[in-house]
Amino acid sequence: MRIVCIVAVLMGLNLLSAEEYKLPPAVQKKIDSHQEEVTKIIQEAKKDIQDSQDKMIKALEKELKAETRKGHFNNAMAITELIEGLKKQDEEVGSIFGKNLNIEMKPSRIKILKVALADGDMEKQGQIPHDLIKHVQMKIGRGEYVFNFKKDFAPYFPKGFTFTKGWIDYSLDDGPKVYMEAKGADFVVTIPEPLPKE
């Protein structure tokens, strides 16, 4: 429902811009900013859906091989049909988002190489069932460069999870790796916003 509403809003904005009357600059600026934010939300949702579909298809393909080896061909055929149905859903999702909508994002100049948490010298991020790199990269894509490890990742920590150090490794424009350690009571690290290219 949310996706359909977002697309409807975007279509409405396109119709609005087609009017012969000219909007005041301040209003147009607000609309442009809103449309940019909606674009980012759509792009993130689109990627999340695709990632989920890919994981499901891989899992089903594994089951398909297992059923085929066992000689359970009826089961194998049912799984094959299910995989084809999921692939068709990918196409339907693409049509919901609308291929003509300008929703492709420019790649971020900041590339996150690693996000890690440790207790002493022992890394612990493997205990968190969450893609920390993707999480940080998405925030950067929204223009957010401050990361509070406790607040950003708290919903994903297992019960009783503790850490004494956090850090982010990143590169700018494929340059050298930069190491930024989260310090202080709140474990906050700020990645400098990249300066515009000349």
N, C-alpha and C. Protein backbone atom coordinates (compact mmCIF):
# COMPACT_ATOMS: atom_id res chain seq x y z
N MET A 1 0.83 -1.20 0.00
CA MET A 1 0.00 0.00 0.00
C MET A 1 0.86 1.25 0.00
N ARG A 2 1.94 1.22 0.78
CA ARG A 2 2.81 2.40 0.88
C ARG A 2 3.45 2.70 -0.47
N ILE A 3 3.88 1.62 -1.18
CA ILE A 3 4.54 1.81 -2.46
C ILE A 3 3.59 2.46 -3.45
N VAL A 4 2.35 1.97 -3.50
CA VAL A 4 1.37 2.53 -4.43
C VAL A 4 1.12 4.00 -4.12
N CYS A 5 1.04 4.35 -2.83
CA CYS A 5 0.82 5.75 -2.44
C CYS A 5 1.98 6.62 -2.87
N ILE A 6 3.19 6.09 -2.70
CA ILE A 6 4.37 6.86 -3.10
C ILE A 6 4.36 7.15 -4.59
N VAL A 7 4.04 6.11 -5.38
CA VAL A 7 3.99 6.29 -6.83
C VAL A 7 2.91 7.30 -7.20
N ALA A 8 1.76 7.22 -6.51
CA ALA A 8 0.68 8.16 -6.78
C ALA A 8 1.12 9.59 -6.50
N VAL A 9 1.86 9.77 -5.41
CA VAL A 9 2.36 11.10 -5.06
C VAL A 9 3.29 11.61 -6.15
N LEU A 10 4.18 10.73 -6.62
CA LEU A 10 5.12 11.14 -7.66
C LEU A 10 4.38 11.52 -8.94
N MET A 11 3.37 10.73 -9.29
CA MET A 11 2.59 11.04 -10.49
C MET A 11 1.89 12.38 -10.33
N GLY A 12 1.40 12.62 -9.12
CA GLY A 12 0.73 13.90 -8.85
C GLY A 12 1.68 15.07 -9.01
N LEU A 13 2.92 14.89 -8.54
CA LEU A 13 3.91 15.95 -8.66
C LEU A 13 4.25 16.22 -10.11
N ASN A 14 4.31 15.16 -10.92
CA ASN A 14 4.60 15.34 -12.33
C ASN A 14 3.48 16.10 -13.01
N LEU A 15 2.23 15.82 -12.65
CA LEU A 15 1.10 16.53 -13.22
C LEU A 15 1.14 18.00 -12.81
N LEU A 16 1.53 18.22 -11.56
CA LEU A 16 1.59 19.58 -11.05
C LEU A 16 2.60 20.40 -11.81
N SER A 17 3.75 19.79 -12.11
CA SER A 17 4.80 20.53 -12.81
C SER A 17 4.41 20.81 -14.25
N ALA A 18 3.41 20.07 -14.77
CA ALA A 18 3.00 20.27 -16.15
C ALA A 18 2.00 21.41 -16.30
N GLU A 19 1.51 21.97 -15.19
CA GLU A 19 0.56 23.07 -15.27
C GLU A 19 1.20 24.29 -15.92
N GLU A 20 0.38 25.10 -16.56
CA GLU A 20 0.91 26.29 -17.23
C GLU A 20 1.29 27.38 -16.23
N TYR A 21 0.74 27.33 -15.01
CA TYR A 21 1.08 28.32 -14.01
C TYR A 21 2.42 27.99 -13.37
N LYS A 22 3.15 28.99 -13.02
CA LYS A 22 4.47 28.79 -12.43
C LYS A 22 4.38 28.94 -10.91
N LEU A 23 4.92 27.98 -10.20
CA LEU A 23 4.90 28.02 -8.75
C LEU A 23 5.97 28.98 -8.23
N PRO A 24 5.72 29.59 -7.07
CA PRO A 24 6.76 30.43 -6.45
C PRO A 24 8.01 29.59 -6.20
N PRO A 25 9.20 30.18 -6.33
CA PRO A 25 10.46 29.43 -6.15
C PRO A 25 10.53 28.68 -4.82
N ALA A 26 10.05 29.29 -3.73
CA ALA A 26 10.12 28.65 -2.42
C ALA A 26 9.27 27.37 -2.39
N VAL A 27 8.10 27.42 -3.04
CA VAL A 27 7.22 26.25 -3.08
C VAL A 27 7.84 25.16 -3.96
N GLN A 28 8.37 25.57 -5.12
CA GLN A 28 8.99 24.61 -6.03
C GLN A 28 10.18 23.92 -5.36
N LYS A 29 10.92 24.69 -4.56
CA LYS A 29 12.07 24.12 -3.85
C LYS A 29 11.62 23.04 -2.87
N LYS A 30 10.51 23.31 -2.17
CA LYS A 30 9.98 22.32 -1.22
C LYS A 30 9.52 21.06 -1.96
N ILE A 31 8.86 21.24 -3.09
CA ILE A 31 8.39 20.09 -3.88
C ILE A 31 9.57 19.27 -4.39
N ASP A 32 10.60 19.96 -4.89
CA ASP A 32 11.78 19.26 -5.40
C ASP A 32 12.46 18.46 -4.29
N SER A 33 12.55 19.07 -3.10
CA SER A 33 13.18 18.40 -1.96
C SER A 33 12.37 17.17 -1.55
N HIS A 34 11.04 17.32 -1.54
CA HIS A 34 10.17 16.21 -1.18
C HIS A 34 10.30 15.08 -2.20
N GLN A 35 10.31 15.43 -3.48
CA GLN A 35 10.40 14.41 -4.51
C GLN A 35 11.74 13.67 -4.43
N GLU A 36 12.78 14.39 -4.10
CA GLU A 36 14.10 13.75 -3.94
C GLU A 36 14.08 12.75 -2.79
N GLU A 37 13.42 13.12 -1.68
CA GLU A 37 13.33 12.23 -0.53
C GLU A 37 12.52 10.99 -0.85
N VAL A 38 11.40 11.17 -1.58
CA VAL A 38 10.57 10.04 -1.97
C VAL A 38 11.35 9.11 -2.90
N THR A 39 12.14 9.70 -3.79
CA THR A 39 12.97 8.93 -4.70
C THR A 39 13.92 8.02 -3.93
N LYS A 40 14.53 8.55 -2.87
CA LYS A 40 15.46 7.77 -2.07
C LYS A 40 14.74 6.61 -1.37
N ILE A 41 13.53 6.90 -0.85
CA ILE A 41 12.76 5.85 -0.18
C ILE A 41 12.42 4.72 -1.15
N ILE A 42 12.01 5.09 -2.36
CA ILE A 42 11.66 4.10 -3.37
C ILE A 42 12.87 3.26 -3.74
N GLN A 43 14.00 3.92 -3.92
CA GLN A 43 15.21 3.20 -4.31
C GLN A 43 15.62 2.19 -3.25
N GLU A 44 15.54 2.58 -1.98
CA GLU A 44 15.89 1.68 -0.88
C GLU A 44 14.91 0.51 -0.82
N ALA A 45 13.61 0.81 -0.97
CA ALA A 45 12.60 -0.25 -0.92
C ALA A 45 12.80 -1.23 -2.08
N LYS A 46 13.12 -0.68 -3.24
CA LYS A 46 13.33 -1.51 -4.43
C LYS A 46 14.49 -2.48 -4.20
N LYS A 47 15.58 -1.98 -3.61
CA LYS A 47 16.75 -2.82 -3.36
C LYS A 47 16.45 -3.88 -2.29
N ASP A 48 15.72 -3.49 -1.24
CA ASP A 48 15.37 -4.44 -0.17
C ASP A 48 14.51 -5.58 -0.72
N ILE A 49 13.55 -5.23 -1.57
CA ILE A 49 12.69 -6.25 -2.18
C ILE A 49 13.50 -7.20 -3.04
N GLN A 50 14.41 -6.63 -3.85
CA GLN A 50 15.23 -7.46 -4.73
C GLN A 50 16.14 -8.38 -3.94
N ASP A 51 16.74 -7.87 -2.86
CA ASP A 51 17.62 -8.68 -2.01
C ASP A 51 16.85 -9.86 -1.40
N SER A 52 15.63 -9.56 -0.94
CA SER A 52 14.81 -10.61 -0.33
C SER A 52 14.42 -11.67 -1.36
N GLN A 53 14.06 -11.22 -2.56
CA GLN A 53 13.70 -12.15 -3.63
C GLN A 53 14.88 -13.04 -4.00
N ASP A 54 16.07 -12.44 -4.09
CA ASP A 54 17.26 -13.21 -4.46
C ASP A 54 17.55 -14.30 -3.43
N LYS A 55 17.42 -13.95 -2.13
CA LYS A 55 17.67 -14.93 -1.07
C LYS A 55 16.67 -16.08 -1.15
N MET A 56 15.41 -15.73 -1.39
CA MET A 56 14.37 -16.76 -1.46
C MET A 56 14.59 -17.70 -2.65
N ILE A 57 14.94 -17.13 -3.79
CA ILE A 57 15.16 -17.95 -4.98
C ILE A 57 16.34 -18.89 -4.77
N LYS A 58 17.42 -18.40 -4.15
CA LYS A 58 18.58 -19.25 -3.88
C LYS A 58 18.20 -20.41 -2.95
N ALA A 59 17.40 -20.10 -1.94
CA ALA A 59 16.96 -21.14 -1.00
C ALA A 59 16.10 -22.18 -1.71
N LEU A 60 15.22 -21.72 -2.59
CA LEU A 60 14.35 -22.65 -3.32
C LEU A 60 15.14 -23.50 -4.31
N GLU A 61 16.15 -22.91 -4.94
CA GLU A 61 16.98 -23.66 -5.89
C GLU A 61 17.74 -24.77 -5.17
N LYS A 62 18.15 -24.50 -3.92
CA LYS A 62 18.81 -25.53 -3.12
C LYS A 62 17.86 -26.68 -2.82
N GLU A 63 16.59 -26.33 -2.47
CA GLU A 63 15.59 -27.36 -2.21
C GLU A 63 15.26 -28.14 -3.49
N LEU A 64 15.26 -27.43 -4.61
CA LEU A 64 14.97 -28.07 -5.90
C LEU A 64 16.00 -29.17 -6.20
N LYS A 65 17.27 -28.87 -5.97
CA LYS A 65 18.33 -29.86 -6.21
C LYS A 65 18.16 -31.06 -5.28
N ALA A 66 17.83 -30.77 -4.03
CA ALA A 66 17.67 -31.85 -3.05
C ALA A 66 16.51 -32.78 -3.44
N GLU A 67 15.38 -32.19 -3.83
CA GLU A 67 14.22 -33.00 -4.21
C GLU A 67 14.49 -33.79 -5.49
N THR A 68 15.24 -33.20 -6.40
CA THR A 68 15.58 -33.89 -7.66
C THR A 68 16.48 -35.09 -7.38
N ARG A 69 17.47 -34.90 -6.48
CA ARG A 69 18.37 -36.00 -6.12
C ARG A 69 17.61 -37.16 -5.47
N LYS A 70 16.58 -36.82 -4.70
CA LYS A 70 15.77 -37.86 -4.04
C LYS A 70 14.81 -38.55 -5.00
N GLY A 71 14.66 -37.99 -6.21
CA GLY A 71 13.73 -38.56 -7.18
C GLY A 71 12.29 -38.11 -6.97
N HIS A 72 12.11 -37.07 -6.17
CA HIS A 72 10.76 -36.54 -5.93
C HIS A 72 10.45 -35.49 -7.01
N PHE A 73 10.14 -35.97 -8.20
CA PHE A 73 10.03 -35.08 -9.35
C PHE A 73 8.78 -34.19 -9.29
N ASN A 74 7.71 -34.69 -8.67
CA ASN A 74 6.52 -33.85 -8.52
C ASN A 74 6.82 -32.64 -7.62
N ASN A 75 7.55 -32.91 -6.54
CA ASN A 75 7.95 -31.81 -5.65
C ASN A 75 8.87 -30.84 -6.38
N ALA A 76 9.79 -31.39 -7.17
CA ALA A 76 10.73 -30.56 -7.93
C ALA A 76 10.00 -29.65 -8.91
N MET A 77 8.97 -30.19 -9.56
CA MET A 77 8.20 -29.39 -10.51
C MET A 77 7.44 -28.28 -9.80
N ALA A 78 6.90 -28.59 -8.61
CA ALA A 78 6.18 -27.58 -7.84
C ALA A 78 7.11 -26.44 -7.42
N ILE A 79 8.33 -26.79 -7.01
CA ILE A 79 9.32 -25.77 -6.62
C ILE A 79 9.73 -24.94 -7.83
N THR A 80 9.89 -25.61 -8.98
CA THR A 80 10.25 -24.89 -10.22
C THR A 80 9.20 -23.85 -10.56
N GLU A 81 7.93 -24.23 -10.45
CA GLU A 81 6.84 -23.29 -10.73
C GLU A 81 6.85 -22.12 -9.74
N LEU A 82 7.18 -22.42 -8.49
CA LEU A 82 7.25 -21.38 -7.47
C LEU A 82 8.37 -20.38 -7.79
N ILE A 83 9.52 -20.89 -8.23
CA ILE A 83 10.64 -20.02 -8.61
C ILE A 83 10.24 -19.12 -9.77
N GLU A 84 9.59 -19.70 -10.78
CA GLU A 84 9.15 -18.91 -11.94
C GLU A 84 8.16 -17.82 -11.50
N GLY A 85 7.29 -18.18 -10.53
CA GLY A 85 6.33 -17.19 -10.02
C GLY A 85 7.02 -16.03 -9.33
N LEU A 86 8.08 -16.32 -8.57
CA LEU A 86 8.82 -15.26 -7.89
C LEU A 86 9.52 -14.35 -8.91
N LYS A 87 10.06 -14.94 -9.96
CA LYS A 87 10.72 -14.13 -10.99
C LYS A 87 9.71 -13.22 -11.69
N LYS A 88 8.48 -13.73 -11.87
CA LYS A 88 7.43 -12.91 -12.47
C LYS A 88 7.06 -11.76 -11.53
N GLN A 89 7.08 -12.02 -10.22
CA GLN A 89 6.80 -10.96 -9.25
C GLN A 89 7.82 -9.85 -9.35
N ASP A 90 9.09 -10.20 -9.65
CA ASP A 90 10.12 -9.18 -9.83
C ASP A 90 9.71 -8.19 -10.92
N GLU A 91 9.17 -8.73 -12.01
CA GLU A 91 8.73 -7.86 -13.12
C GLU A 91 7.56 -6.99 -12.69
N GLU A 92 6.63 -7.58 -11.91
CA GLU A 92 5.46 -6.82 -11.46
C GLU A 92 5.86 -5.69 -10.52
N VAL A 93 6.84 -5.97 -9.64
CA VAL A 93 7.34 -4.93 -8.73
C VAL A 93 7.95 -3.80 -9.53
N GLY A 94 8.70 -4.15 -10.59
CA GLY A 94 9.30 -3.11 -11.44
C GLY A 94 8.25 -2.23 -12.07
N SER A 95 7.10 -2.83 -12.49
CA SER A 95 6.05 -2.03 -13.10
C SER A 95 5.34 -1.16 -12.08
N ILE A 96 5.26 -1.63 -10.80
CA ILE A 96 4.64 -0.81 -9.75
C ILE A 96 5.47 0.43 -9.51
N PHE A 97 6.81 0.24 -9.43
CA PHE A 97 7.68 1.39 -9.21
C PHE A 97 7.67 2.31 -10.42
N GLY A 98 7.50 1.73 -11.60
CA GLY A 98 7.47 2.55 -12.81
C GLY A 98 8.87 2.74 -13.37
N LYS A 99 9.11 2.14 -14.54
CA LYS A 99 10.44 2.24 -15.14
C LYS A 99 10.73 3.64 -15.63
N ASN A 100 9.69 4.43 -15.89
CA ASN A 100 9.90 5.78 -16.40
C ASN A 100 10.16 6.80 -15.30
N LEU A 101 9.97 6.38 -14.04
CA LEU A 101 10.26 7.30 -12.95
C LEU A 101 11.76 7.41 -12.79
N ASN A 102 12.22 8.61 -12.58
CA ASN A 102 13.66 8.84 -12.45
C ASN A 102 14.09 8.51 -11.02
N ILE A 103 14.23 7.20 -10.73
CA ILE A 103 14.51 6.82 -9.36
C ILE A 103 15.93 6.27 -9.17
N GLU A 104 16.72 6.26 -10.24
CA GLU A 104 18.08 5.76 -10.09
C GLU A 104 18.92 6.79 -9.35
N MET A 105 19.65 6.32 -8.34
CA MET A 105 20.46 7.22 -7.54
C MET A 105 21.89 7.22 -8.04
N LYS A 106 22.55 8.36 -7.94
CA LYS A 106 23.97 8.40 -8.25
C LYS A 106 24.71 7.62 -7.17
N PRO A 107 25.72 6.83 -7.56
CA PRO A 107 26.46 6.08 -6.55
C PRO A 107 27.15 7.02 -5.57
N SER A 108 27.17 6.63 -4.31
CA SER A 108 27.80 7.45 -3.28
C SER A 108 29.30 7.52 -3.52
N ARG A 109 29.87 8.70 -3.31
CA ARG A 109 31.32 8.84 -3.44
C ARG A 109 32.04 8.17 -2.28
N ILE A 110 31.33 8.00 -1.18
CA ILE A 110 31.89 7.33 -0.01
C ILE A 110 31.54 5.84 -0.08
N LYS A 111 32.54 4.99 -0.07
CA LYS A 111 32.32 3.55 -0.10
C LYS A 111 32.69 2.96 1.26
N ILE A 112 31.72 2.34 1.91
CA ILE A 112 31.96 1.74 3.21
C ILE A 112 32.61 0.37 3.01
N LEU A 113 33.77 0.20 3.59
CA LEU A 113 34.53 -1.05 3.45
C LEU A 113 34.26 -2.02 4.60
N LYS A 114 34.10 -1.46 5.80
CA LYS A 114 33.86 -2.32 6.96
C LYS A 114 33.21 -1.52 8.08
N VAL A 115 32.30 -2.17 8.78
CA VAL A 115 31.72 -1.62 10.01
C VAL A 115 31.88 -2.72 11.05
N ALA A 116 32.52 -2.41 12.16
CA ALA A 116 32.82 -3.47 13.12
C ALA A 116 32.63 -3.02 14.55
N LEU A 117 32.31 -3.99 15.39
CA LEU A 117 32.20 -3.79 16.84
C LEU A 117 33.08 -4.83 17.51
N ALA A 118 33.69 -4.46 18.60
CA ALA A 118 34.58 -5.39 19.28
C ALA A 118 34.50 -5.23 20.78
N ASP A 119 34.82 -6.29 21.48
CA ASP A 119 34.96 -6.26 22.93
C ASP A 119 36.43 -6.57 23.20
N GLY A 120 37.18 -5.54 23.57
CA GLY A 120 38.62 -5.71 23.67
C GLY A 120 39.19 -5.87 22.27
N ASP A 121 39.88 -6.98 22.01
CA ASP A 121 40.46 -7.25 20.69
C ASP A 121 39.60 -8.19 19.85
N MET A 122 38.49 -8.66 20.40
CA MET A 122 37.67 -9.64 19.70
C MET A 122 36.49 -8.99 18.98
N GLU A 123 36.46 -9.11 17.66
CA GLU A 123 35.36 -8.56 16.88
C GLU A 123 34.08 -9.33 17.18
N LYS A 124 32.97 -8.58 17.24
CA LYS A 124 31.70 -9.21 17.62
C LYS A 124 30.58 -8.97 16.61
N GLN A 125 30.86 -8.22 15.52
CA GLN A 125 29.75 -7.88 14.63
C GLN A 125 29.13 -9.11 13.97
N GLY A 126 29.88 -10.24 13.96
CA GLY A 126 29.32 -11.45 13.38
C GLY A 126 28.13 -11.98 14.16
N GLN A 127 27.97 -11.51 15.40
CA GLN A 127 26.84 -11.95 16.23
C GLN A 127 25.56 -11.19 15.89
N ILE A 128 25.68 -10.14 15.08
CA ILE A 128 24.51 -9.31 14.76
C ILE A 128 23.94 -9.72 13.41
N PRO A 129 22.70 -10.19 13.35
CA PRO A 129 22.10 -10.60 12.08
C PRO A 129 21.59 -9.40 11.30
N HIS A 130 22.50 -8.49 10.98
CA HIS A 130 22.11 -7.26 10.29
C HIS A 130 23.28 -6.81 9.42
N ASP A 131 22.97 -6.31 8.23
CA ASP A 131 24.02 -5.85 7.31
C ASP A 131 24.46 -4.44 7.73
N LEU A 132 25.51 -4.37 8.53
CA LEU A 132 25.97 -3.08 9.05
C LEU A 132 26.47 -2.17 7.94
N ILE A 133 27.18 -2.75 6.96
CA ILE A 133 27.73 -1.95 5.86
C ILE A 133 26.60 -1.31 5.06
N LYS A 134 25.59 -2.11 4.72
CA LYS A 134 24.45 -1.59 3.96
C LYS A 134 23.72 -0.51 4.75
N HIS A 135 23.56 -0.72 6.04
CA HIS A 135 22.90 0.24 6.92
C HIS A 135 23.60 1.60 6.86
N VAL A 136 24.92 1.58 7.02
CA VAL A 136 25.70 2.82 7.01
C VAL A 136 25.67 3.46 5.63
N GLN A 137 25.81 2.64 4.58
CA GLN A 137 25.83 3.18 3.22
C GLN A 137 24.50 3.85 2.86
N MET A 138 23.40 3.28 3.33
CA MET A 138 22.09 3.87 3.05
C MET A 138 21.94 5.23 3.74
N LYS A 139 22.45 5.33 4.99
CA LYS A 139 22.39 6.62 5.68
C LYS A 139 23.19 7.68 4.93
N ILE A 140 24.35 7.28 4.45
CA ILE A 140 25.18 8.22 3.68
C ILE A 140 24.44 8.64 2.41
N GLY A 141 23.73 7.69 1.79
CA GLY A 141 22.95 8.01 0.59
C GLY A 141 21.87 9.03 0.87
N ARG A 142 21.41 9.11 2.14
CA ARG A 142 20.40 10.10 2.53
C ARG A 142 21.05 11.39 3.02
N GLY A 143 22.39 11.47 2.95
CA GLY A 143 23.08 12.67 3.38
C GLY A 143 23.30 12.72 4.88
N GLU A 144 23.30 11.56 5.56
CA GLU A 144 23.54 11.50 7.01
C GLU A 144 24.93 10.92 7.25
N TYR A 145 25.76 11.66 7.98
CA TYR A 145 27.16 11.27 8.14
C TYR A 145 27.56 11.01 9.60
N VAL A 146 26.62 11.16 10.52
CA VAL A 146 26.89 10.92 11.94
C VAL A 146 26.30 9.56 12.33
N PHE A 147 27.12 8.72 12.97
CA PHE A 147 26.68 7.38 13.33
C PHE A 147 26.90 7.14 14.82
N ASN A 148 25.81 6.89 15.51
CA ASN A 148 25.85 6.54 16.92
C ASN A 148 25.63 5.03 16.99
N PHE A 149 26.70 4.31 17.28
CA PHE A 149 26.65 2.85 17.22
C PHE A 149 25.58 2.27 18.14
N LYS A 150 25.39 2.87 19.29
CA LYS A 150 24.40 2.35 20.23
C LYS A 150 22.98 2.58 19.72
N LYS A 151 22.72 3.77 19.19
CA LYS A 151 21.36 4.09 18.73
C LYS A 151 21.08 3.48 17.35
N ASP A 152 22.05 3.56 16.44
CA ASP A 152 21.84 3.06 15.08
C ASP A 152 21.58 1.56 15.05
N PHE A 153 22.35 0.82 15.86
CA PHE A 153 22.29 -0.63 15.77
C PHE A 153 21.60 -1.31 16.94
N ALA A 154 21.18 -0.53 17.95
CA ALA A 154 20.55 -1.13 19.14
C ALA A 154 19.40 -2.08 18.82
N PRO A 155 18.51 -1.76 17.85
CA PRO A 155 17.40 -2.68 17.58
C PRO A 155 17.86 -4.04 17.06
N TYR A 156 19.11 -4.13 16.61
CA TYR A 156 19.60 -5.37 16.00
C TYR A 156 20.53 -6.16 16.92
N PHE A 157 20.84 -5.59 18.10
CA PHE A 157 21.73 -6.28 19.04
C PHE A 157 21.00 -7.45 19.69
N PRO A 158 21.67 -8.61 19.82
CA PRO A 158 21.08 -9.70 20.60
C PRO A 158 20.98 -9.30 22.07
N LYS A 159 20.15 -9.98 22.81
CA LYS A 159 19.99 -9.66 24.23
C LYS A 159 21.32 -9.85 24.97
N GLY A 160 21.69 -8.83 25.74
CA GLY A 160 22.92 -8.90 26.51
C GLY A 160 24.18 -8.55 25.72
N PHE A 161 24.01 -8.09 24.47
CA PHE A 161 25.17 -7.78 23.63
C PHE A 161 25.91 -6.55 24.17
N THR A 162 27.22 -6.66 24.30
CA THR A 162 28.04 -5.53 24.75
C THR A 162 29.24 -5.37 23.83
N PHE A 163 29.79 -4.16 23.79
CA PHE A 163 31.01 -3.93 23.02
C PHE A 163 31.75 -2.74 23.63
N THR A 164 33.05 -2.71 23.42
CA THR A 164 33.87 -1.64 23.99
C THR A 164 34.47 -0.73 22.92
N LYS A 165 34.32 -1.12 21.66
CA LYS A 165 34.89 -0.32 20.57
C LYS A 165 34.10 -0.55 19.30
N GLY A 166 33.96 0.51 18.50
CA GLY A 166 33.35 0.39 17.19
C GLY A 166 34.14 1.20 16.19
N TRP A 167 34.11 0.79 14.94
CA TRP A 167 34.82 1.58 13.93
C TRP A 167 34.24 1.37 12.53
N ILE A 168 34.57 2.30 11.66
CA ILE A 168 34.15 2.26 10.26
C ILE A 168 35.38 2.49 9.39
N ASP A 169 35.57 1.63 8.41
CA ASP A 169 36.60 1.83 7.38
C ASP A 169 35.89 2.27 6.11
N TYR A 170 36.36 3.34 5.49
CA TYR A 170 35.73 3.80 4.25
C TYR A 170 36.78 4.39 3.32
N SER A 171 36.37 4.58 2.06
CA SER A 171 37.23 5.27 1.10
C SER A 171 36.39 6.31 0.38
N LEU A 172 37.03 7.38 -0.06
CA LEU A 172 36.36 8.45 -0.80
C LEU A 172 36.89 8.45 -2.22
N ASP A 173 35.96 8.33 -3.19
CA ASP A 173 36.34 8.31 -4.61
C ASP A 173 37.40 7.26 -4.88
N ASP A 174 37.25 6.07 -4.27
CA ASP A 174 38.19 4.96 -4.44
C ASP A 174 39.61 5.31 -4.01
N GLY A 175 39.72 6.26 -3.10
CA GLY A 175 41.03 6.63 -2.56
C GLY A 175 41.48 5.66 -1.49
N PRO A 176 42.49 6.03 -0.70
CA PRO A 176 42.99 5.14 0.35
C PRO A 176 41.97 4.90 1.45
N LYS A 177 42.12 3.79 2.15
CA LYS A 177 41.20 3.45 3.24
C LYS A 177 41.39 4.43 4.40
N VAL A 178 40.26 4.86 4.96
CA VAL A 178 40.28 5.75 6.13
C VAL A 178 39.66 4.98 7.30
N TYR A 179 40.33 5.02 8.44
CA TYR A 179 39.86 4.33 9.64
C TYR A 179 39.29 5.36 10.60
N MET A 180 38.04 5.17 11.02
CA MET A 180 37.43 6.09 11.98
C MET A 180 36.86 5.29 13.14
N GLU A 181 37.43 5.51 14.32
CA GLU A 181 37.00 4.77 15.50
C GLU A 181 35.94 5.56 16.27
N ALA A 182 34.91 4.86 16.72
CA ALA A 182 33.85 5.48 17.51
C ALA A 182 34.34 5.62 18.94
N LYS A 183 34.42 6.83 19.42
CA LYS A 183 34.95 7.08 20.75
C LYS A 183 33.89 7.73 21.64
N GLY A 184 34.15 7.74 22.93
CA GLY A 184 33.24 8.41 23.86
C GLY A 184 32.18 7.48 24.38
N ALA A 185 31.43 7.98 25.33
CA ALA A 185 30.42 7.16 26.00
C ALA A 185 29.32 6.68 25.05
N ASP A 186 29.02 7.49 24.03
CA ASP A 186 27.94 7.14 23.11
C ASP A 186 28.42 6.41 21.86
N PHE A 187 29.73 6.22 21.71
CA PHE A 187 30.27 5.54 20.54
C PHE A 187 29.79 6.20 19.24
N VAL A 188 30.12 7.47 19.11
CA VAL A 188 29.70 8.23 17.93
C VAL A 188 30.90 8.47 17.01
N VAL A 189 30.69 8.28 15.72
CA VAL A 189 31.71 8.59 14.72
C VAL A 189 31.06 9.43 13.63
N THR A 190 31.79 10.43 13.14
CA THR A 190 31.27 11.29 12.08
C THR A 190 32.18 11.22 10.87
N ILE A 191 31.62 10.80 9.75
CA ILE A 191 32.37 10.75 8.49
C ILE A 191 32.25 12.12 7.83
N PRO A 192 33.37 12.76 7.48
CA PRO A 192 33.29 14.09 6.86
C PRO A 192 32.52 14.04 5.53
N GLU A 193 31.60 14.95 5.38
CA GLU A 193 30.86 15.04 4.11
C GLU A 193 31.82 15.40 3.00
N PRO A 194 31.80 14.66 1.88
CA PRO A 194 32.76 14.95 0.80
C PRO A 194 32.51 16.32 0.18
N LEU A 195 33.60 17.03 -0.09
CA LEU A 195 33.49 18.32 -0.75
C LEU A 195 33.10 18.13 -2.20
N PRO A 196 32.36 19.08 -2.78
CA PRO A 196 31.98 18.94 -4.19
C PRO A 196 33.21 18.84 -5.08
N LYS A 197 33.09 18.03 -6.12
CA LYS A 197 34.20 17.91 -7.07
C LYS A 197 34.30 19.19 -7.89
N GLU A 198 35.53 19.58 -8.19
CA GLU A 198 35.72 20.80 -9.00
C GLU A 198 35.52 20.49 -10.46
